[in-house]
Amino acid sequence: MFENLSDKLNSIFKQLKGHGKLTEKNIEEGLKEIRMALLEADVHYKVAKKLIADIKERALGQEVMASLTPGQQIVKIVNDELTLLMGSHHQDIDLSGQQPASVMLVGLQGSGKTTTAGKLSVFLKQKGKRPYLVPADVYRPAAIDQLKKLAAQIGVPAFQSTVEMDPVNICIEARTAAQKAGCDTLILDTAGRLHINEELMAELTRIKASVKPSDIILVADAMTGQDAVNIAKSFDDALDIGGVILTKMDGDARGGAALSIKAITNKPIKFIGVGEKLSALEQFHPERMSSRILGMGDVLTFIEKAQSVVDEKNAVDIEKKIRKNQFTLEDFRDQMVQIRKMGSLTDLLGMIPGFSKNKQLKNLEVDEKELVKIEAIINSMTPHERRQYIIINGSRRKRIALGSGTSVQDINRLLKNYAQAMKLMKKINKGGLRGLGRGMLPF
């Protein structure tokens, strides 16, 4: 996400820093290029105009002109103003008011409401909540079936609605059913349309009046750019939404919607969808997103992802095994599975400060299929082979290759890399393990 904008901004900053001492003309030219980069990223023209005006006001003051590192000061100002533009700080989902709390998801067809309802359930469950899914889209039987399947997959209850029921009655009856089931949060998956119309808004207004939801969240497709901003304004005018979830952010290289929505609607982006997995929903932090856009990484989100998948006791056990040189292929596989749970490796690498600025690293292609292959190879080994890889001779390699659908060359490559990694671990053991993240290994 934001790939094109990040590249252009970093190129502009590089030019500005190259001047050493900046003049008013240098700054004016740089701001003109930043404005063009924003417009090309599909940022609303009014938003881009105001942002440049705010940056200019600060950039032409003593803060920059009298600075020893004016180029760095410009980057700081742009970072500050981008953060302010997107809302300054993260705003949580509102679960106050009548209990169980209700979160009403609204949006057009195809925006990803039903999948987002499932993702939000996973997120709330991790926070200790007891969500209850409510399929209220009676116009698409597939949406009802999809939400029920997601509920079973996640392990949360869902209201047993049918296409014959009225959407308002579904939501009212679901509250009673949720209370009986001991749930504290309803997630209402309402109907969408291909476009905004009076009939859709009237139904949503009736649901809002009858259920009085704690939060109304618009689910919008980030890849629609300016359309997402216009849709957000229309839904906000009709329903007074509490915030937005932008889906498909991982597929949006421009990011204009994320930069424009708060400024146009004055409503925050609360979450972003960053993949197909049910865990691929991130809280939206303006300051972290600004840091990502400017190529400075997002270490805090990286740490949160790691903490969500790493079992502390397991991490301690792994550290002890490494210290005693007892880290097996079985442990390697388990650690690899944990890392993959954090999301796309390419996205994770993008959160590392400086990664996007390094051309060699930026063009690094991470083949997720290769990780699947490694897992299959290790799974085809016997427990004894995983713990004592040295016994894996030629005949065993042929058997493992056959069982995993790979080649003997693949087995040889994995064992060679593993042996080299173990040598590295030995060296690190001598110098201490403080440099390694606990439980997350740099293979």
Protein backbone atom coordinates (compact mmCIF):
# COMPACT_ATOMS: atom_id res chain seq x y z
CA MET A 1 0.00 0.00 0.00
CA PHE A 2 1.07 3.59 -0.75
CA GLU A 3 3.95 2.18 -2.80
CA ASN A 4 3.77 4.81 -5.59
CA LEU A 5 3.33 7.73 -3.19
CA SER A 6 6.16 6.52 -0.94
CA ASP A 7 8.55 6.23 -3.89
CA LYS A 8 7.76 9.72 -5.15
CA LEU A 9 7.94 11.38 -1.73
CA ASN A 10 11.28 9.75 -0.96
CA SER A 11 12.64 10.92 -4.31
CA ILE A 12 11.49 14.49 -3.56
CA PHE A 13 12.99 14.43 -0.05
CA LYS A 14 16.27 13.12 -1.45
CA GLN A 15 16.45 16.14 -3.79
CA LEU A 16 15.63 18.57 -0.96
CA LYS A 17 18.26 17.05 1.33
CA GLY A 18 20.80 17.29 -1.49
CA HIS A 19 20.61 21.08 -1.46
CA GLY A 20 22.04 21.32 2.07
CA LYS A 21 20.78 24.85 2.74
CA LEU A 22 17.25 25.36 1.42
CA THR A 23 15.90 28.51 -0.19
CA GLU A 24 12.27 29.56 -0.49
CA LYS A 25 12.43 28.60 -4.19
CA ASN A 26 13.72 25.07 -3.38
CA ILE A 27 10.90 24.56 -0.89
CA GLU A 28 8.23 25.92 -3.30
CA GLU A 29 9.43 23.52 -6.03
CA GLY A 30 9.49 20.58 -3.60
CA LEU A 31 5.96 21.33 -2.36
CA LYS A 32 4.71 21.55 -5.96
CA GLU A 33 6.08 18.05 -6.60
CA ILE A 34 4.56 16.74 -3.33
CA ARG A 35 1.17 18.15 -4.40
CA MET A 36 1.44 16.35 -7.76
CA ALA A 37 2.41 13.10 -5.98
CA LEU A 38 -0.65 13.39 -3.73
CA LEU A 39 -3.01 14.01 -6.66
CA GLU A 40 -1.52 11.05 -8.55
CA ALA A 41 -2.14 8.94 -5.43
CA ASP A 42 -5.85 9.83 -5.85
CA VAL A 43 -5.96 12.14 -2.82
CA HIS A 44 -8.97 14.50 -2.99
CA TYR A 45 -7.82 17.78 -4.60
CA LYS A 46 -9.21 19.90 -1.71
CA VAL A 47 -7.38 17.73 0.80
CA ALA A 48 -4.12 17.95 -1.18
CA LYS A 49 -4.47 21.75 -1.48
CA LYS A 50 -5.00 22.26 2.26
CA LEU A 51 -2.24 19.82 3.22
CA ILE A 52 0.30 21.63 1.01
CA ALA A 53 -0.81 25.00 2.43
CA ASP A 54 -0.32 23.73 6.02
CA ILE A 55 3.11 22.25 5.19
CA LYS A 56 4.14 25.46 3.38
CA GLU A 57 3.20 27.66 6.34
CA ARG A 58 5.56 25.71 8.59
CA ALA A 59 8.23 24.96 5.96
CA LEU A 60 8.85 28.65 5.19
CA GLY A 61 9.24 29.54 8.86
CA GLN A 62 12.28 29.55 11.13
CA GLU A 63 11.70 25.85 11.97
CA VAL A 64 13.21 24.95 8.57
CA MET A 65 15.06 27.99 7.26
CA ALA A 66 17.21 28.34 10.38
CA SER A 67 17.76 24.59 10.82
CA LEU A 68 21.12 22.90 10.34
CA THR A 69 19.32 20.00 8.61
CA PRO A 70 16.47 21.68 6.69
CA GLY A 71 15.78 18.59 4.52
CA GLN A 72 15.16 16.46 7.63
CA GLN A 73 12.92 19.19 9.07
CA ILE A 74 10.78 19.13 5.91
CA VAL A 75 10.34 15.35 6.33
CA LYS A 76 9.33 15.89 9.97
CA ILE A 77 6.76 18.55 9.00
CA VAL A 78 5.27 16.34 6.26
CA ASN A 79 5.12 13.44 8.75
CA ASP A 80 3.35 15.64 11.34
CA GLU A 81 0.85 17.04 8.84
CA LEU A 82 0.06 13.64 7.28
CA THR A 83 -0.60 12.26 10.78
CA LEU A 84 -2.88 15.21 11.57
CA LEU A 85 -4.68 14.77 8.25
CA MET A 86 -5.50 11.13 9.01
CA GLY A 87 -6.75 11.87 12.53
CA SER A 88 -3.67 12.21 14.80
CA HIS A 89 -4.37 9.07 16.83
CA HIS A 90 -6.16 5.74 16.67
CA GLN A 91 -9.85 5.72 17.56
CA ASP A 92 -11.24 2.48 18.95
CA ILE A 93 -14.48 0.85 18.04
CA ASP A 94 -17.27 2.19 20.31
CA LEU A 95 -18.83 -0.55 22.47
CA SER A 96 -20.55 1.72 24.99
CA GLY A 97 -24.29 2.14 25.63
CA GLN A 98 -26.96 -0.55 25.78
CA GLN A 99 -25.54 -4.02 26.35
CA PRO A 100 -24.90 -6.23 24.54
CA ALA A 101 -23.22 -3.58 22.38
CA SER A 102 -24.10 -3.54 18.68
CA VAL A 103 -21.72 -2.73 15.84
CA MET A 104 -23.60 -2.06 12.60
CA LEU A 105 -21.58 -2.66 9.43
CA VAL A 106 -22.86 -0.77 6.38
CA GLY A 107 -21.60 -0.34 2.82
CA LEU A 108 -22.15 -1.15 -0.83
CA GLN A 109 -22.15 -4.65 -2.32
CA GLY A 110 -18.68 -5.98 -2.98
CA SER A 111 -16.96 -3.83 -0.36
CA GLY A 112 -16.26 -6.88 1.82
CA LYS A 113 -18.78 -6.40 4.65
CA THR A 114 -19.41 -10.08 5.36
CA THR A 115 -15.72 -11.05 5.43
CA THR A 116 -15.00 -7.96 7.54
CA ALA A 117 -17.69 -9.04 10.01
CA GLY A 118 -15.75 -12.29 10.45
CA LYS A 119 -12.41 -10.47 10.78
CA LEU A 120 -13.88 -8.10 13.36
CA SER A 121 -15.13 -11.11 15.35
CA VAL A 122 -11.61 -12.56 15.40
CA PHE A 123 -10.22 -9.19 16.56
CA LEU A 124 -12.83 -8.79 19.34
CA LYS A 125 -12.35 -12.38 20.46
CA GLN A 126 -8.61 -11.71 20.89
CA LYS A 127 -9.55 -8.72 23.05
CA GLY A 128 -11.58 -10.94 25.39
CA LYS A 129 -15.00 -10.09 23.94
CA ARG A 130 -17.75 -12.58 23.11
CA PRO A 131 -19.03 -11.59 19.64
CA TYR A 132 -22.31 -12.70 18.08
CA LEU A 133 -22.67 -12.55 14.29
CA VAL A 134 -25.95 -11.36 12.79
CA PRO A 135 -26.65 -12.01 9.06
CA ALA A 136 -29.13 -9.24 8.20
CA ASP A 137 -28.69 -9.23 4.41
CA VAL A 138 -31.87 -11.05 3.35
CA TYR A 139 -31.44 -10.11 -0.32
CA ARG A 140 -28.38 -12.30 -0.78
CA PRO A 141 -28.88 -15.83 0.61
CA ALA A 142 -25.19 -16.46 -0.09
CA ALA A 143 -24.27 -13.69 2.38
CA ILE A 144 -26.29 -15.42 5.14
CA ASP A 145 -24.64 -18.78 4.41
CA GLN A 146 -21.18 -17.18 4.20
CA LEU A 147 -21.52 -15.48 7.59
CA LYS A 148 -22.76 -18.68 9.23
CA LYS A 149 -19.78 -20.59 7.80
CA LEU A 150 -17.40 -17.88 9.05
CA ALA A 151 -18.99 -18.06 12.50
CA ALA A 152 -18.42 -21.83 12.64
CA GLN A 153 -14.83 -21.39 11.45
CA ILE A 154 -14.08 -18.71 14.08
CA GLY A 155 -15.97 -20.51 16.84
CA VAL A 156 -18.58 -17.84 17.60
CA PRO A 157 -22.39 -18.12 17.53
CA ALA A 158 -24.49 -16.65 14.70
CA PHE A 159 -28.18 -15.78 14.57
CA GLN A 160 -30.19 -18.23 12.48
CA SER A 161 -31.83 -15.75 10.11
CA THR A 162 -33.64 -16.62 6.87
CA VAL A 163 -34.45 -14.67 3.70
CA GLU A 164 -38.14 -14.57 4.72
CA MET A 165 -37.40 -12.47 7.83
CA ASP A 166 -37.45 -8.68 7.98
CA PRO A 167 -33.93 -7.22 8.53
CA VAL A 168 -35.12 -5.02 11.41
CA ASN A 169 -36.74 -7.98 13.18
CA ILE A 170 -33.58 -10.04 12.63
CA CYS A 171 -31.50 -7.43 14.46
CA ILE A 172 -34.03 -7.07 17.31
CA GLU A 173 -34.39 -10.85 17.83
CA ALA A 174 -30.63 -11.31 17.55
CA ARG A 175 -30.07 -9.07 20.59
CA THR A 176 -32.25 -11.34 22.75
CA ALA A 177 -30.56 -14.46 21.33
CA ALA A 178 -27.12 -12.97 22.02
CA GLN A 179 -28.04 -12.26 25.64
CA LYS A 180 -29.19 -15.86 26.09
CA ALA A 181 -25.93 -17.09 24.51
CA GLY A 182 -23.90 -14.97 26.96
CA CYS A 183 -22.45 -12.74 24.24
CA ASP A 184 -21.55 -9.08 24.78
CA THR A 185 -21.11 -7.74 21.22
CA LEU A 186 -23.42 -8.02 18.20
CA ILE A 187 -21.92 -7.54 14.75
CA LEU A 188 -24.71 -6.70 12.32
CA ASP A 189 -23.92 -7.56 8.69
CA THR A 190 -26.48 -5.40 6.86
CA ALA A 191 -27.49 -5.45 3.20
CA GLY A 192 -25.70 -3.46 0.52
CA ARG A 193 -26.63 -2.35 -2.97
CA LEU A 194 -24.66 -1.83 -6.15
CA HIS A 195 -25.13 1.90 -5.60
CA ILE A 196 -26.57 4.21 -2.95
CA ASN A 197 -30.35 4.60 -3.13
CA GLU A 198 -33.25 5.73 -0.91
CA GLU A 199 -34.50 2.18 -0.32
CA LEU A 200 -31.14 1.06 1.10
CA MET A 201 -30.75 4.10 3.34
CA ALA A 202 -34.35 3.80 4.58
CA GLU A 203 -33.76 0.20 5.68
CA LEU A 204 -30.48 1.07 7.40
CA THR A 205 -32.15 4.03 9.14
CA ARG A 206 -34.89 1.70 10.45
CA ILE A 207 -32.28 -0.74 11.78
CA LYS A 208 -30.41 2.12 13.45
CA ALA A 209 -33.61 3.43 15.09
CA SER A 210 -34.67 0.01 16.40
CA VAL A 211 -31.29 -1.33 17.58
CA LYS A 212 -29.56 1.96 18.56
CA PRO A 213 -26.09 0.57 17.74
CA SER A 214 -23.05 1.58 19.76
CA ASP A 215 -21.13 2.15 16.53
CA ILE A 216 -21.98 2.33 12.83
CA ILE A 217 -18.99 1.50 10.67
CA LEU A 218 -18.82 1.94 6.92
CA VAL A 219 -16.95 -0.82 5.11
CA ALA A 220 -15.41 0.68 1.95
CA ASP A 221 -13.12 -0.72 -0.75
CA ALA A 222 -9.85 1.26 -0.69
CA MET A 223 -9.16 0.36 -4.32
CA THR A 224 -12.08 2.53 -5.48
CA GLY A 225 -10.12 5.64 -4.42
CA GLN A 226 -12.20 8.81 -4.74
CA ASP A 227 -15.40 6.74 -4.96
CA ALA A 228 -14.70 5.42 -1.44
CA VAL A 229 -14.49 9.01 -0.18
CA ASN A 230 -17.79 9.99 -1.89
CA ILE A 231 -19.49 6.84 -0.58
CA ALA A 232 -18.27 7.62 2.95
CA LYS A 233 -19.77 11.11 2.74
CA SER A 234 -23.14 9.78 1.50
CA PHE A 235 -23.40 7.15 4.27
CA ASP A 236 -22.29 9.68 6.88
CA ASP A 237 -24.91 12.23 5.75
CA ALA A 238 -27.64 9.59 6.03
CA LEU A 239 -26.57 7.62 9.12
CA ASP A 240 -23.95 9.67 10.99
CA ILE A 241 -21.39 6.85 10.88
CA GLY A 242 -18.87 6.42 13.69
CA GLY A 243 -15.95 5.46 11.47
CA VAL A 244 -14.67 3.53 8.48
CA ILE A 245 -13.01 0.19 7.75
CA LEU A 246 -11.02 0.33 4.50
CA THR A 247 -10.75 -3.10 2.88
CA LYS A 248 -8.22 -4.33 0.28
CA MET A 249 -5.55 -1.88 1.45
CA ASP A 250 -2.91 -4.48 0.56
CA GLY A 251 -3.96 -4.19 -3.09
CA ASP A 252 -4.04 -0.38 -3.21
CA ALA A 253 -0.66 1.02 -4.25
CA ARG A 254 -2.01 4.59 -4.27
CA GLY A 255 -3.81 5.02 -0.93
CA GLY A 256 -5.76 8.20 -1.75
CA ALA A 257 -8.88 7.08 0.12
CA ALA A 258 -6.97 6.59 3.38
CA LEU A 259 -5.56 10.11 3.13
CA SER A 260 -8.84 11.79 2.20
CA ILE A 261 -11.68 10.20 4.20
CA LYS A 262 -11.01 11.82 7.60
CA ALA A 263 -10.55 15.27 6.07
CA ILE A 264 -13.76 15.05 3.99
CA THR A 265 -16.10 13.33 6.51
CA ASN A 266 -14.36 14.16 9.81
CA LYS A 267 -14.89 10.48 10.68
CA PRO A 268 -11.90 8.26 11.54
CA ILE A 269 -10.61 5.18 9.78
CA LYS A 270 -10.73 2.58 12.57
CA PHE A 271 -9.39 -0.51 10.79
CA ILE A 272 -7.82 -1.53 7.49
CA GLY A 273 -8.11 -4.90 5.76
CA VAL A 274 -4.68 -6.09 4.63
CA GLY A 275 -5.28 -9.57 3.22
CA GLU A 276 -7.71 -12.45 2.80
CA LYS A 277 -6.99 -14.24 6.08
CA LEU A 278 -9.45 -13.68 8.94
CA SER A 279 -6.57 -12.31 11.01
CA ALA A 280 -5.74 -9.71 8.31
CA LEU A 281 -7.42 -6.75 9.99
CA GLU A 282 -5.24 -4.00 11.48
CA GLN A 283 -6.18 -1.13 13.75
CA PHE A 284 -5.55 2.13 11.91
CA HIS A 285 -2.95 4.34 13.60
CA PRO A 286 -2.44 7.64 11.69
CA GLU A 287 1.04 8.21 13.09
CA ARG A 288 2.16 4.69 12.12
CA MET A 289 0.60 4.95 8.66
CA SER A 290 2.35 8.27 8.05
CA SER A 291 5.63 6.62 9.06
CA ARG A 292 5.01 3.80 6.54
CA ILE A 293 4.20 6.27 3.75
CA LEU A 294 7.46 8.11 4.35
CA GLY A 295 9.47 4.86 4.31
CA MET A 296 10.25 4.94 8.04
CA GLY A 297 8.64 1.58 8.80
CA ASP A 298 6.10 0.60 11.43
CA VAL A 299 7.88 -1.22 14.23
CA LEU A 300 4.99 -1.01 16.72
CA THR A 301 2.54 -2.82 14.41
CA PHE A 302 5.23 -5.42 13.67
CA ILE A 303 5.70 -6.02 17.44
CA GLU A 304 1.92 -6.26 18.00
CA LYS A 305 1.62 -8.85 15.23
CA ALA A 306 4.48 -10.85 16.76
CA GLN A 307 2.94 -10.68 20.24
CA SER A 308 -0.41 -11.90 18.87
CA VAL A 309 1.09 -15.15 17.55
CA VAL A 310 4.04 -15.85 19.87
CA ASP A 311 3.33 -17.93 22.93
CA GLU A 312 5.54 -16.57 25.73
CA LYS A 313 6.21 -19.99 27.31
CA ASN A 314 7.04 -21.45 23.90
CA ALA A 315 9.40 -18.52 23.23
CA VAL A 316 11.28 -19.21 26.47
CA ASP A 317 11.52 -22.93 25.63
CA ILE A 318 12.87 -22.12 22.16
CA GLU A 319 15.48 -19.79 23.63
CA LYS A 320 16.63 -22.54 26.00
CA LYS A 321 16.89 -25.01 23.09
CA ILE A 322 18.99 -22.57 21.09
CA ARG A 323 21.29 -22.00 24.06
CA LYS A 324 21.78 -25.76 24.40
CA ASN A 325 22.12 -26.27 20.64
CA GLN A 326 18.96 -28.42 20.63
CA PHE A 327 16.91 -26.48 18.08
CA THR A 328 15.49 -29.13 15.73
CA LEU A 329 13.84 -29.08 12.32
CA GLU A 330 10.57 -29.63 14.17
CA ASP A 331 11.15 -26.40 16.13
CA PHE A 332 12.15 -24.65 12.88
CA ARG A 333 8.84 -25.68 11.27
CA ASP A 334 6.79 -24.52 14.27
CA GLN A 335 8.55 -21.13 14.27
CA MET A 336 7.98 -20.74 10.54
CA VAL A 337 4.25 -21.45 11.00
CA GLN A 338 4.09 -18.76 13.70
CA ILE A 339 5.80 -16.19 11.49
CA ARG A 340 3.41 -16.94 8.61
CA LYS A 341 0.45 -16.31 10.94
CA MET A 342 1.64 -12.71 11.23
CA GLY A 343 0.71 -12.15 7.58
CA SER A 344 2.46 -11.69 4.25
CA LEU A 345 6.25 -11.69 4.65
CA THR A 346 6.53 -8.92 2.06
CA ASP A 347 4.20 -6.72 4.15
CA LEU A 348 6.09 -7.58 7.34
CA LEU A 349 9.41 -6.61 5.74
CA GLY A 350 7.83 -3.31 4.69
CA MET A 351 7.31 -2.46 8.38
CA ILE A 352 11.06 -2.53 8.98
CA PRO A 353 12.51 1.01 9.02
CA GLY A 354 14.50 1.79 5.89
CA PHE A 355 13.30 -1.30 4.00
CA SER A 356 11.34 0.62 1.35
CA LYS A 357 14.25 3.02 0.79
CA ASN A 358 16.73 0.24 0.04
CA LYS A 359 16.37 -0.62 -3.67
CA GLN A 360 17.92 -4.08 -3.36
CA LEU A 361 15.70 -5.03 -0.40
CA LYS A 362 12.60 -3.39 -1.85
CA ASN A 363 12.79 -5.51 -5.00
CA LEU A 364 13.27 -8.68 -2.95
CA GLU A 365 10.54 -11.15 -3.88
CA VAL A 366 9.40 -13.33 -0.97
CA ASP A 367 7.96 -16.56 -2.39
CA GLU A 368 5.33 -17.72 0.11
CA LYS A 369 5.06 -21.02 -1.84
CA GLU A 370 8.64 -21.80 -0.88
CA LEU A 371 7.65 -21.71 2.80
CA VAL A 372 4.74 -24.08 2.12
CA LYS A 373 7.21 -26.42 0.39
CA ILE A 374 9.60 -26.35 3.38
CA GLU A 375 6.74 -27.15 5.74
CA ALA A 376 5.67 -30.08 3.55
CA ILE A 377 9.25 -31.45 3.49
CA ILE A 378 9.60 -31.32 7.29
CA ASN A 379 6.14 -32.87 7.75
CA SER A 380 7.22 -35.80 5.52
CA MET A 381 10.12 -36.61 7.84
CA THR A 382 9.78 -39.01 10.77
CA PRO A 383 9.95 -37.45 14.27
CA HIS A 384 13.42 -39.02 14.66
CA GLU A 385 14.64 -37.44 11.40
CA ARG A 386 13.37 -34.01 12.44
CA ARG A 387 15.31 -34.23 15.70
CA GLN A 388 18.47 -35.82 14.22
CA TYR A 389 18.77 -34.46 10.68
CA ILE A 390 22.27 -35.98 10.35
CA ILE A 391 20.71 -39.46 9.85
CA ILE A 392 18.90 -38.35 6.66
CA ASN A 393 20.85 -40.31 4.01
CA GLY A 394 20.20 -40.72 0.28
CA SER A 395 17.36 -43.25 0.54
CA ARG A 396 15.63 -41.23 3.25
CA ARG A 397 15.91 -38.08 1.09
CA LYS A 398 14.20 -39.90 -1.81
CA ARG A 399 11.37 -41.03 0.49
CA ILE A 400 10.90 -37.53 1.95
CA ALA A 401 10.89 -35.97 -1.54
CA LEU A 402 8.25 -38.45 -2.71
CA GLY A 403 6.10 -37.86 0.36
CA SER A 404 6.24 -34.07 0.10
CA GLY A 405 5.88 -33.78 -3.66
CA THR A 406 9.29 -32.15 -3.95
CA SER A 407 12.72 -33.10 -5.32
CA VAL A 408 15.85 -34.47 -3.64
CA GLN A 409 17.52 -31.15 -4.57
CA ASP A 410 14.88 -29.33 -2.47
CA ILE A 411 15.67 -31.62 0.49
CA ASN A 412 19.41 -31.02 0.06
CA ARG A 413 18.91 -27.24 -0.05
CA LEU A 414 16.78 -27.21 3.12
CA LEU A 415 19.22 -29.38 5.09
CA LYS A 416 22.18 -27.28 3.92
CA ASN A 417 20.45 -24.03 4.97
CA TYR A 418 19.42 -25.56 8.29
CA ALA A 419 23.01 -26.71 9.00
CA GLN A 420 24.30 -23.22 8.22
CA ALA A 421 21.66 -21.67 10.47
CA MET A 422 22.71 -23.97 13.31
CA LYS A 423 26.34 -22.84 12.87
CA LEU A 424 25.13 -19.24 13.11
CA MET A 425 23.20 -20.09 16.28
CA LYS A 426 26.38 -21.53 17.81
CA LYS A 427 28.24 -18.29 17.10
CA ILE A 428 25.42 -16.20 18.56
CA ASN A 429 25.35 -18.44 21.62
CA LYS A 430 28.91 -17.47 22.37
CA GLY A 431 28.04 -13.78 22.16
CA GLY A 432 24.64 -14.01 23.83
CA LEU A 433 21.10 -14.07 22.46
CA ARG A 434 20.11 -10.52 23.32
CA GLY A 435 20.22 -9.54 19.65
CA LEU A 436 17.46 -11.94 18.68
CA GLY A 437 13.72 -11.37 19.15
CA ARG A 438 12.50 -13.98 21.59
CA GLY A 439 10.79 -16.81 19.78
CA MET A 440 11.16 -15.24 16.33
CA LEU A 441 14.20 -16.52 14.42
CA PRO A 442 15.95 -14.87 11.48
CA PHE A 443 15.83 -17.72 8.96
